[in-house]
Amino acid sequence: MKLSTCLSGLLALASSATAASLTQVTNFGANTSGARMFIYVPDALAPSPPIIVAIHYCTGTAQAYYNGSPYARLADTHGFIVIYPESPYSGGCWDVSSPATLTHDGGANSHSIANMVLHTLSQYPSADASRVFVTGTSSGAMMTNVLAATYPNLFKAASAYAGVPAGCFYTGTVAGWNSTCANGAEIHTQDVWARTAQAMYPGYSGPRPKMRIVHGSADSIIYPQNFNETLKQWAGVFGYTYGQPAQTLGNTPKAGYTKVYDDDDDVGYEY
């Protein structure tokens, strides 16, 4: 009985010592912006694991997003890898406002996060480069849209929760706050928004990530008009006509949500 108890304790200790945890990665390539990289690799990886980049909100951290979002738990179930970038700036917002971050390989936060993805693919050769996804909330959603525009070659799909169109927050400064955009007053045609996104990677003609845009209709910080402006942007990029969705479904995917569906590439949910 004592031997059994001792063995059980040793096994439990060994299990806790090797259990997956959030881990910082310090050398992941060019990182002029000083962004920090954290990664979660579950104990049981899928044979060709996808990668999800999960980007925190203003005032957030990688640890807070790890604790407060479901991605690590889902990674344990499904065997994918999660990258949690962390903003280097006081206040925790992302740089979605400078010329550098709004340019492919221009440096700044977007370039740092792209290098986190490339580093992970190099360190985990079995990871599926065709299934790299990006998601984020608020400032992280803004960065999600920026990454979809600056690095469309890296991502299969993107999901932005309470963000703004790529380029909407432009101020010309690093990690600047753009009240006009936040308040939903930066309103343009879909052609203008599409050209704004396309200019972030000049000459790119390859596939682009599918987009899912989610926004609360009562959001008083990032006003809900940004939902419409973001749909305009990606409808323009994909060649659809904003305002003429393929489908609009009430109470989808659950009560209180409205799904606006443009073919397979651009889907929006407002609640």
C-alpha atoms as a PDB file:
ATOM      1  CA  MET A   1       0.000   0.000   0.000  1.00  0.00           C
ATOM      2  CA  LYS A   2       2.816   2.393   0.930  1.00  0.00           C
ATOM      3  CA  LEU A   3       4.729   1.456  -2.251  1.00  0.00           C
ATOM      4  CA  SER A   4       1.623   2.079  -4.354  1.00  0.00           C
ATOM      5  CA  THR A   5       1.082   5.472  -2.718  1.00  0.00           C
ATOM      6  CA  CYS A   6       4.728   6.400  -3.250  1.00  0.00           C
ATOM      7  CA  LEU A   7       4.617   5.395  -6.915  1.00  0.00           C
ATOM      8  CA  SER A   8       1.419   7.364  -7.424  1.00  0.00           C
ATOM      9  CA  GLY A   9       3.053  10.429  -5.912  1.00  0.00           C
ATOM     10  CA  LEU A  10       6.128  10.082  -8.098  1.00  0.00           C
ATOM     11  CA  LEU A  11       3.998   9.680 -11.218  1.00  0.00           C
ATOM     12  CA  ALA A  12       1.966  12.751 -10.324  1.00  0.00           C
ATOM     13  CA  LEU A  13       5.167  14.724  -9.730  1.00  0.00           C
ATOM     14  CA  ALA A  14       6.613  13.609 -13.053  1.00  0.00           C
ATOM     15  CA  SER A  15       3.382  14.484 -14.832  1.00  0.00           C
ATOM     16  CA  SER A  16       3.273  17.989 -13.363  1.00  0.00           C
ATOM     17  CA  ALA A  17       6.935  18.526 -14.227  1.00  0.00           C
ATOM     18  CA  THR A  18       6.363  17.784 -17.913  1.00  0.00           C
ATOM     19  CA  ALA A  19       2.890  19.277 -18.337  1.00  0.00           C
ATOM     20  CA  ALA A  20       2.526  21.844 -21.106  1.00  0.00           C
ATOM     21  CA  SER A  21       2.694  25.476 -20.026  1.00  0.00           C
ATOM     22  CA  LEU A  22       2.933  28.967 -21.474  1.00  0.00           C
ATOM     23  CA  THR A  23       6.603  29.534 -22.357  1.00  0.00           C
ATOM     24  CA  GLN A  24       8.442  32.651 -23.469  1.00  0.00           C
ATOM     25  CA  VAL A  25      10.571  32.477 -26.622  1.00  0.00           C
ATOM     26  CA  THR A  26      13.309  35.108 -26.686  1.00  0.00           C
ATOM     27  CA  ASN A  27      15.034  34.553 -30.031  1.00  0.00           C
ATOM     28  CA  PHE A  28      12.579  34.314 -32.900  1.00  0.00           C
ATOM     29  CA  GLY A  29      14.152  36.489 -35.591  1.00  0.00           C
ATOM     30  CA  ALA A  30      14.064  40.196 -36.369  1.00  0.00           C
ATOM     31  CA  ASN A  31      12.165  42.044 -33.669  1.00  0.00           C
ATOM     32  CA  THR A  32      12.864  45.747 -33.938  1.00  0.00           C
ATOM     33  CA  SER A  33       9.620  46.576 -32.129  1.00  0.00           C
ATOM     34  CA  GLY A  34      10.512  44.615 -28.986  1.00  0.00           C
ATOM     35  CA  ALA A  35       7.309  42.560 -28.980  1.00  0.00           C
ATOM     36  CA  ARG A  36       7.455  39.468 -26.792  1.00  0.00           C
ATOM     37  CA  MET A  37       6.616  35.943 -27.889  1.00  0.00           C
ATOM     38  CA  PHE A  38       4.984  33.267 -25.774  1.00  0.00           C
ATOM     39  CA  ILE A  39       3.956  29.849 -27.004  1.00  0.00           C
ATOM     40  CA  TYR A  40       1.772  27.010 -25.804  1.00  0.00           C
ATOM     41  CA  VAL A  41       2.519  23.559 -27.180  1.00  0.00           C
ATOM     42  CA  PRO A  42       0.228  20.833 -25.821  1.00  0.00           C
ATOM     43  CA  ASP A  43       1.697  17.564 -24.616  1.00  0.00           C
ATOM     44  CA  ALA A  44      -0.060  15.683 -27.414  1.00  0.00           C
ATOM     45  CA  LEU A  45       0.434  17.434 -30.754  1.00  0.00           C
ATOM     46  CA  ALA A  46      -1.685  16.461 -33.729  1.00  0.00           C
ATOM     47  CA  PRO A  47       0.290  14.781 -36.566  1.00  0.00           C
ATOM     48  CA  SER A  48       0.305  18.003 -38.642  1.00  0.00           C
ATOM     49  CA  PRO A  49      -0.678  20.610 -36.081  1.00  0.00           C
ATOM     50  CA  PRO A  50      -2.215  23.923 -37.108  1.00  0.00           C
ATOM     51  CA  ILE A  51      -0.995  27.137 -35.489  1.00  0.00           C
ATOM     52  CA  ILE A  52      -3.189  29.839 -33.955  1.00  0.00           C
ATOM     53  CA  VAL A  53      -1.842  33.312 -33.202  1.00  0.00           C
ATOM     54  CA  ALA A  54      -3.951  34.750 -30.339  1.00  0.00           C
ATOM     55  CA  ILE A  55      -3.490  38.496 -29.806  1.00  0.00           C
ATOM     56  CA  HIS A  56      -4.487  40.295 -26.620  1.00  0.00           C
ATOM     57  CA  TYR A  57      -6.400  43.550 -26.096  1.00  0.00           C
ATOM     58  CA  CYS A  58      -5.204  46.920 -24.713  1.00  0.00           C
ATOM     59  CA  THR A  59      -4.090  46.557 -21.063  1.00  0.00           C
ATOM     60  CA  GLY A  60      -3.656  42.847 -21.748  1.00  0.00           C
ATOM     61  CA  THR A  61      -0.691  40.498 -21.675  1.00  0.00           C
ATOM     62  CA  ALA A  62       0.096  37.133 -23.188  1.00  0.00           C
ATOM     63  CA  GLN A  63      -0.523  35.542 -19.784  1.00  0.00           C
ATOM     64  CA  ALA A  64      -3.889  37.267 -19.400  1.00  0.00           C
ATOM     65  CA  TYR A  65      -5.026  36.154 -22.854  1.00  0.00           C
ATOM     66  CA  TYR A  66      -3.761  32.646 -22.172  1.00  0.00           C
ATOM     67  CA  ASN A  67      -5.786  32.569 -18.946  1.00  0.00           C
ATOM     68  CA  GLY A  68      -8.879  34.302 -20.280  1.00  0.00           C
ATOM     69  CA  SER A  69      -9.360  32.717 -23.694  1.00  0.00           C
ATOM     70  CA  PRO A  70     -10.174  29.101 -24.579  1.00  0.00           C
ATOM     71  CA  TYR A  71      -7.319  28.467 -26.990  1.00  0.00           C
ATOM     72  CA  ALA A  72      -4.934  26.577 -24.693  1.00  0.00           C
ATOM     73  CA  ARG A  73      -7.733  24.315 -23.476  1.00  0.00           C
ATOM     74  CA  LEU A  74      -8.799  23.668 -27.065  1.00  0.00           C
ATOM     75  CA  ALA A  75      -5.170  23.031 -27.991  1.00  0.00           C
ATOM     76  CA  ASP A  76      -5.063  20.274 -25.371  1.00  0.00           C
ATOM     77  CA  THR A  77      -8.098  18.693 -27.018  1.00  0.00           C
ATOM     78  CA  HIS A  78      -7.190  19.157 -30.669  1.00  0.00           C
ATOM     79  CA  GLY A  79      -3.389  19.229 -30.630  1.00  0.00           C
ATOM     80  CA  PHE A  80      -2.639  22.598 -32.220  1.00  0.00           C
ATOM     81  CA  ILE A  81       0.025  25.170 -31.273  1.00  0.00           C
ATOM     82  CA  VAL A  82      -0.868  28.607 -29.895  1.00  0.00           C
ATOM     83  CA  ILE A  83       1.364  31.684 -30.192  1.00  0.00           C
ATOM     84  CA  TYR A  84       0.577  34.492 -27.745  1.00  0.00           C
ATOM     85  CA  PRO A  85       2.336  37.729 -28.753  1.00  0.00           C
ATOM     86  CA  GLU A  86       2.704  40.443 -26.109  1.00  0.00           C
ATOM     87  CA  SER A  87       2.793  44.182 -26.801  1.00  0.00           C
ATOM     88  CA  PRO A  88       5.973  45.992 -25.702  1.00  0.00           C
ATOM     89  CA  TYR A  89       4.168  49.266 -25.006  1.00  0.00           C
ATOM     90  CA  SER A  90       2.845  50.704 -21.762  1.00  0.00           C
ATOM     91  CA  GLY A  91      -0.902  50.231 -21.767  1.00  0.00           C
ATOM     92  CA  GLY A  92      -0.564  47.023 -23.731  1.00  0.00           C
ATOM     93  CA  CYS A  93      -2.029  48.296 -27.018  1.00  0.00           C
ATOM     94  CA  TRP A  94      -0.587  47.196 -30.348  1.00  0.00           C
ATOM     95  CA  ASP A  95       1.029  49.418 -32.929  1.00  0.00           C
ATOM     96  CA  VAL A  96      -1.583  49.513 -35.685  1.00  0.00           C
ATOM     97  CA  SER A  97      -0.959  53.174 -36.452  1.00  0.00           C
ATOM     98  CA  SER A  98       2.591  53.610 -37.791  1.00  0.00           C
ATOM     99  CA  PRO A  99       3.714  53.401 -41.432  1.00  0.00           C
ATOM    100  CA  ALA A 100       6.131  50.589 -40.525  1.00  0.00           C
ATOM    101  CA  THR A 101       3.549  48.276 -38.992  1.00  0.00           C
ATOM    102  CA  LEU A 102       1.192  48.898 -41.923  1.00  0.00           C
ATOM    103  CA  THR A 103       3.803  47.715 -44.441  1.00  0.00           C
ATOM    104  CA  HIS A 104       4.841  44.169 -45.342  1.00  0.00           C
ATOM    105  CA  ASP A 105       8.304  43.568 -43.855  1.00  0.00           C
ATOM    106  CA  GLY A 106       8.344  47.173 -42.675  1.00  0.00           C
ATOM    107  CA  GLY A 107       9.390  46.329 -39.142  1.00  0.00           C
ATOM    108  CA  ALA A 108       7.298  47.154 -36.064  1.00  0.00           C
ATOM    109  CA  ASN A 109       4.757  44.868 -34.411  1.00  0.00           C
ATOM    110  CA  SER A 110       3.276  43.238 -37.506  1.00  0.00           C
ATOM    111  CA  HIS A 111       6.719  42.152 -38.708  1.00  0.00           C
ATOM    112  CA  SER A 112       7.611  40.816 -35.257  1.00  0.00           C
ATOM    113  CA  ILE A 113       4.460  38.693 -35.123  1.00  0.00           C
ATOM    114  CA  ALA A 114       5.064  37.379 -38.638  1.00  0.00           C
ATOM    115  CA  ASN A 115       8.531  36.298 -37.514  1.00  0.00           C
ATOM    116  CA  MET A 116       6.994  34.505 -34.527  1.00  0.00           C
ATOM    117  CA  VAL A 117       4.992  32.426 -37.000  1.00  0.00           C
ATOM    118  CA  LEU A 118       8.011  31.705 -39.197  1.00  0.00           C
ATOM    119  CA  HIS A 119      10.098  30.747 -36.165  1.00  0.00           C
ATOM    120  CA  THR A 120       7.420  28.344 -34.952  1.00  0.00           C
ATOM    121  CA  LEU A 121       7.187  26.703 -38.367  1.00  0.00           C
ATOM    122  CA  SER A 122      10.968  26.229 -38.367  1.00  0.00           C
ATOM    123  CA  GLN A 123      11.032  24.785 -34.841  1.00  0.00           C
ATOM    124  CA  TYR A 124       8.099  22.438 -35.426  1.00  0.00           C
ATOM    125  CA  PRO A 125       8.630  21.019 -38.937  1.00  0.00           C
ATOM    126  CA  SER A 126       5.478  18.919 -38.692  1.00  0.00           C
ATOM    127  CA  ALA A 127       3.328  22.042 -38.213  1.00  0.00           C
ATOM    128  CA  ASP A 128       1.008  22.696 -41.138  1.00  0.00           C
ATOM    129  CA  ALA A 129       2.033  25.957 -42.820  1.00  0.00           C
ATOM    130  CA  SER A 130      -1.224  25.920 -44.777  1.00  0.00           C
ATOM    131  CA  ARG A 131      -3.250  26.081 -41.552  1.00  0.00           C
ATOM    132  CA  VAL A 132      -1.961  29.119 -39.695  1.00  0.00           C
ATOM    133  CA  PHE A 133      -4.740  31.253 -38.207  1.00  0.00           C
ATOM    134  CA  VAL A 134      -4.830  34.590 -36.403  1.00  0.00           C
ATOM    135  CA  THR A 135      -7.367  35.981 -33.967  1.00  0.00           C
ATOM    136  CA  GLY A 136      -7.562  38.841 -31.515  1.00  0.00           C
ATOM    137  CA  THR A 137      -9.760  41.049 -29.372  1.00  0.00           C
ATOM    138  CA  SER A 138     -10.061  44.866 -29.552  1.00  0.00           C
ATOM    139  CA  SER A 139      -6.491  46.114 -30.152  1.00  0.00           C
ATOM    140  CA  GLY A 140      -5.645  42.485 -30.928  1.00  0.00           C
ATOM    141  CA  ALA A 141      -8.473  42.459 -33.476  1.00  0.00           C
ATOM    142  CA  MET A 142      -7.036  45.598 -35.055  1.00  0.00           C
ATOM    143  CA  MET A 143      -3.702  43.797 -35.361  1.00  0.00           C
ATOM    144  CA  THR A 144      -5.503  40.756 -36.771  1.00  0.00           C
ATOM    145  CA  ASN A 145      -6.859  42.881 -39.623  1.00  0.00           C
ATOM    146  CA  VAL A 146      -3.436  44.486 -40.123  1.00  0.00           C
ATOM    147  CA  LEU A 147      -1.758  41.066 -40.328  1.00  0.00           C
ATOM    148  CA  ALA A 148      -4.360  39.856 -42.824  1.00  0.00           C
ATOM    149  CA  ALA A 149      -3.393  42.831 -45.001  1.00  0.00           C
ATOM    150  CA  THR A 150       0.390  42.862 -44.470  1.00  0.00           C
ATOM    151  CA  TYR A 151       1.008  39.092 -44.403  1.00  0.00           C
ATOM    152  CA  PRO A 152      -1.824  37.455 -46.379  1.00  0.00           C
ATOM    153  CA  ASN A 153       0.681  34.822 -47.500  1.00  0.00           C
ATOM    154  CA  LEU A 154       1.051  33.514 -43.932  1.00  0.00           C
ATOM    155  CA  PHE A 155      -2.546  33.085 -42.783  1.00  0.00           C
ATOM    156  CA  LYS A 156      -5.335  30.756 -43.851  1.00  0.00           C
ATOM    157  CA  ALA A 157      -8.045  32.664 -41.969  1.00  0.00           C
ATOM    158  CA  ALA A 158      -8.463  35.506 -39.493  1.00  0.00           C
ATOM    159  CA  SER A 159     -11.059  36.226 -36.823  1.00  0.00           C
ATOM    160  CA  ALA A 160     -11.320  39.753 -35.397  1.00  0.00           C
ATOM    161  CA  TYR A 161     -13.405  40.549 -32.311  1.00  0.00           C
ATOM    162  CA  ALA A 162     -14.233  44.272 -31.894  1.00  0.00           C
ATOM    163  CA  GLY A 163     -11.588  45.677 -34.200  1.00  0.00           C
ATOM    164  CA  VAL A 164     -11.334  48.279 -36.955  1.00  0.00           C
ATOM    165  CA  PRO A 165     -10.365  48.093 -40.640  1.00  0.00           C
ATOM    166  CA  ALA A 166      -6.677  47.699 -41.444  1.00  0.00           C
ATOM    167  CA  GLY A 167      -5.233  51.203 -41.678  1.00  0.00           C
ATOM    168  CA  CYS A 168      -8.148  52.908 -39.928  1.00  0.00           C
ATOM    169  CA  PHE A 169      -6.067  53.652 -36.817  1.00  0.00           C
ATOM    170  CA  TYR A 170      -3.256  55.311 -38.777  1.00  0.00           C
ATOM    171  CA  THR A 171      -1.712  58.291 -36.973  1.00  0.00           C
ATOM    172  CA  GLY A 172       1.847  58.239 -38.311  1.00  0.00           C
ATOM    173  CA  THR A 173       3.114  57.479 -34.804  1.00  0.00           C
ATOM    174  CA  VAL A 174       3.889  54.208 -33.020  1.00  0.00           C
ATOM    175  CA  ALA A 175       0.957  52.785 -31.047  1.00  0.00           C
ATOM    176  CA  GLY A 176      -1.020  56.002 -31.437  1.00  0.00           C
ATOM    177  CA  TRP A 177      -4.693  56.339 -30.512  1.00  0.00           C
ATOM    178  CA  ASN A 178      -7.061  57.426 -33.286  1.00  0.00           C
ATOM    179  CA  SER A 179     -10.302  58.682 -31.757  1.00  0.00           C
ATOM    180  CA  THR A 180     -11.905  59.352 -35.144  1.00  0.00           C
ATOM    181  CA  CYS A 181     -11.531  55.706 -36.064  1.00  0.00           C
ATOM    182  CA  ALA A 182     -12.418  54.360 -32.610  1.00  0.00           C
ATOM    183  CA  ASN A 183     -15.609  56.442 -32.629  1.00  0.00           C
ATOM    184  CA  GLY A 184     -16.696  54.985 -35.961  1.00  0.00           C
ATOM    185  CA  ALA A 185     -16.300  58.276 -37.825  1.00  0.00           C
ATOM    186  CA  GLU A 186     -13.686  57.069 -40.339  1.00  0.00           C
ATOM    187  CA  ILE A 187     -16.118  56.169 -43.119  1.00  0.00           C
ATOM    188  CA  HIS A 188     -15.066  55.318 -46.673  1.00  0.00           C
ATOM    189  CA  THR A 189     -16.240  53.374 -49.697  1.00  0.00           C
ATOM    190  CA  GLN A 190     -15.322  49.723 -50.002  1.00  0.00           C
ATOM    191  CA  ASP A 191     -12.925  50.612 -52.833  1.00  0.00           C
ATOM    192  CA  VAL A 192     -10.995  53.045 -50.630  1.00  0.00           C
ATOM    193  CA  TRP A 193     -10.819  50.531 -47.779  1.00  0.00           C
ATOM    194  CA  ALA A 194      -9.777  47.731 -50.141  1.00  0.00           C
ATOM    195  CA  ARG A 195      -6.979  49.819 -51.650  1.00  0.00           C
ATOM    196  CA  THR A 196      -5.832  50.710 -48.139  1.00  0.00           C
ATOM    197  CA  ALA A 197      -5.411  47.021 -47.294  1.00  0.00           C
ATOM    198  CA  GLN A 198      -3.874  46.080 -50.639  1.00  0.00           C
ATOM    199  CA  ALA A 199      -1.296  48.883 -50.399  1.00  0.00           C
ATOM    200  CA  MET A 200       0.159  47.229 -47.304  1.00  0.00           C
ATOM    201  CA  TYR A 201       1.668  44.482 -49.484  1.00  0.00           C
ATOM    202  CA  PRO A 202       2.200  46.081 -52.897  1.00  0.00           C
ATOM    203  CA  GLY A 203       2.172  43.678 -55.812  1.00  0.00           C
ATOM    204  CA  TYR A 204       0.808  40.728 -53.843  1.00  0.00           C
ATOM    205  CA  SER A 205      -1.613  38.658 -55.934  1.00  0.00           C
ATOM    206  CA  GLY A 206      -1.764  35.364 -54.055  1.00  0.00           C
ATOM    207  CA  PRO A 207      -4.510  33.912 -51.864  1.00  0.00           C
ATOM    208  CA  ARG A 208      -5.809  35.893 -48.912  1.00  0.00           C
ATOM    209  CA  PRO A 209      -7.094  34.675 -45.554  1.00  0.00           C
ATOM    210  CA  LYS A 210     -10.793  34.145 -45.080  1.00  0.00           C
ATOM    211  CA  MET A 211     -12.181  36.703 -42.641  1.00  0.00           C
ATOM    212  CA  ARG A 212     -14.596  36.500 -39.715  1.00  0.00           C
ATOM    213  CA  ILE A 213     -15.559  39.852 -38.188  1.00  0.00           C
ATOM    214  CA  VAL A 214     -17.412  39.986 -34.846  1.00  0.00           C
ATOM    215  CA  HIS A 215     -18.576  43.149 -33.072  1.00  0.00           C
ATOM    216  CA  GLY A 216     -20.970  44.130 -30.308  1.00  0.00           C
ATOM    217  CA  SER A 217     -23.738  46.542 -31.328  1.00  0.00           C
ATOM    218  CA  ALA A 218     -23.447  48.410 -27.987  1.00  0.00           C
ATOM    219  CA  ASP A 219     -19.640  48.788 -27.962  1.00  0.00           C
ATOM    220  CA  SER A 220     -18.851  52.269 -26.610  1.00  0.00           C
ATOM    221  CA  ILE A 221     -15.058  52.100 -26.981  1.00  0.00           C
ATOM    222  CA  ILE A 222     -14.618  50.744 -30.506  1.00  0.00           C
ATOM    223  CA  TYR A 223     -17.905  51.890 -31.999  1.00  0.00           C
ATOM    224  CA  PRO A 224     -19.944  49.344 -33.970  1.00  0.00           C
ATOM    225  CA  GLN A 225     -19.748  51.353 -37.203  1.00  0.00           C
ATOM    226  CA  ASN A 226     -16.290  49.807 -37.429  1.00  0.00           C
ATOM    227  CA  PHE A 227     -18.001  46.463 -38.018  1.00  0.00           C
ATOM    228  CA  ASN A 228     -19.564  47.862 -41.191  1.00  0.00           C
ATOM    229  CA  GLU A 229     -16.352  49.558 -42.300  1.00  0.00           C
ATOM    230  CA  THR A 230     -14.365  46.344 -41.811  1.00  0.00           C
ATOM    231  CA  LEU A 231     -16.905  44.363 -43.828  1.00  0.00           C
ATOM    232  CA  LYS A 232     -16.615  47.002 -46.551  1.00  0.00           C
ATOM    233  CA  GLN A 233     -12.851  46.578 -46.586  1.00  0.00           C
ATOM    234  CA  TRP A 234     -12.773  42.839 -46.979  1.00  0.00           C
ATOM    235  CA  ALA A 235     -15.760  42.754 -49.331  1.00  0.00           C
ATOM    236  CA  GLY A 236     -13.762  45.110 -51.549  1.00  0.00           C
ATOM    237  CA  VAL A 237     -10.602  43.031 -51.276  1.00  0.00           C
ATOM    238  CA  PHE A 238     -12.468  39.854 -52.233  1.00  0.00           C
ATOM    239  CA  GLY A 239     -14.475  41.519 -54.987  1.00  0.00           C
ATOM    240  CA  TYR A 240     -17.931  41.416 -53.398  1.00  0.00           C
ATOM    241  CA  THR A 241     -20.406  44.273 -53.206  1.00  0.00           C
ATOM    242  CA  TYR A 242     -20.843  45.552 -49.668  1.00  0.00           C
ATOM    243  CA  GLY A 243     -24.513  45.822 -48.734  1.00  0.00           C
ATOM    244  CA  GLN A 244     -25.497  42.900 -50.935  1.00  0.00           C
ATOM    245  CA  PRO A 245     -24.578  39.906 -48.765  1.00  0.00           C
ATOM    246  CA  ALA A 246     -25.216  36.393 -49.942  1.00  0.00           C
ATOM    247  CA  GLN A 247     -27.183  35.800 -46.726  1.00  0.00           C
ATOM    248  CA  THR A 248     -28.244  37.587 -43.558  1.00  0.00           C
ATOM    249  CA  LEU A 249     -29.339  35.224 -40.804  1.00  0.00           C
ATOM    250  CA  GLY A 250     -30.853  36.261 -37.471  1.00  0.00           C
ATOM    251  CA  ASN A 251     -30.025  34.457 -34.228  1.00  0.00           C
ATOM    252  CA  THR A 252     -27.033  32.786 -35.857  1.00  0.00           C
ATOM    253  CA  PRO A 253     -24.826  31.181 -34.566  1.00  0.00           C
ATOM    254  CA  LYS A 254     -26.885  31.737 -31.412  1.00  0.00           C
ATOM    255  CA  ALA A 255     -29.636  33.941 -30.031  1.00  0.00           C
ATOM    256  CA  GLY A 256     -28.876  37.658 -30.265  1.00  0.00           C
ATOM    257  CA  TYR A 257     -26.366  37.353 -33.109  1.00  0.00           C
ATOM    258  CA  THR A 258     -26.873  38.366 -36.736  1.00  0.00           C
ATOM    259  CA  LYS A 259     -24.727  36.679 -39.374  1.00  0.00           C
ATOM    260  CA  VAL A 260     -23.839  38.592 -42.540  1.00  0.00           C
ATOM    261  CA  TYR A 261     -22.413  36.162 -45.056  1.00  0.00           C
ATOM    262  CA  ASP A 262     -20.510  37.045 -48.262  1.00  0.00           C
ATOM    263  CA  ASP A 263     -19.769  33.729 -49.965  1.00  0.00           C
ATOM    264  CA  ASP A 264     -16.945  31.823 -48.197  1.00  0.00           C
ATOM    265  CA  ASP A 265     -14.398  34.586 -47.693  1.00  0.00           C
ATOM    266  CA  ASP A 266     -15.970  37.351 -45.604  1.00  0.00           C
ATOM    267  CA  VAL A 267     -18.343  36.636 -42.705  1.00  0.00           C
ATOM    268  CA  GLY A 268     -19.514  39.100 -40.070  1.00  0.00           C
ATOM    269  CA  TYR A 269     -21.371  38.634 -36.789  1.00  0.00           C
ATOM    270  CA  GLU A 270     -22.969  41.488 -34.864  1.00  0.00           C
ATOM    271  CA  TYR A 271     -24.566  41.001 -31.464  1.00  0.00           C
END
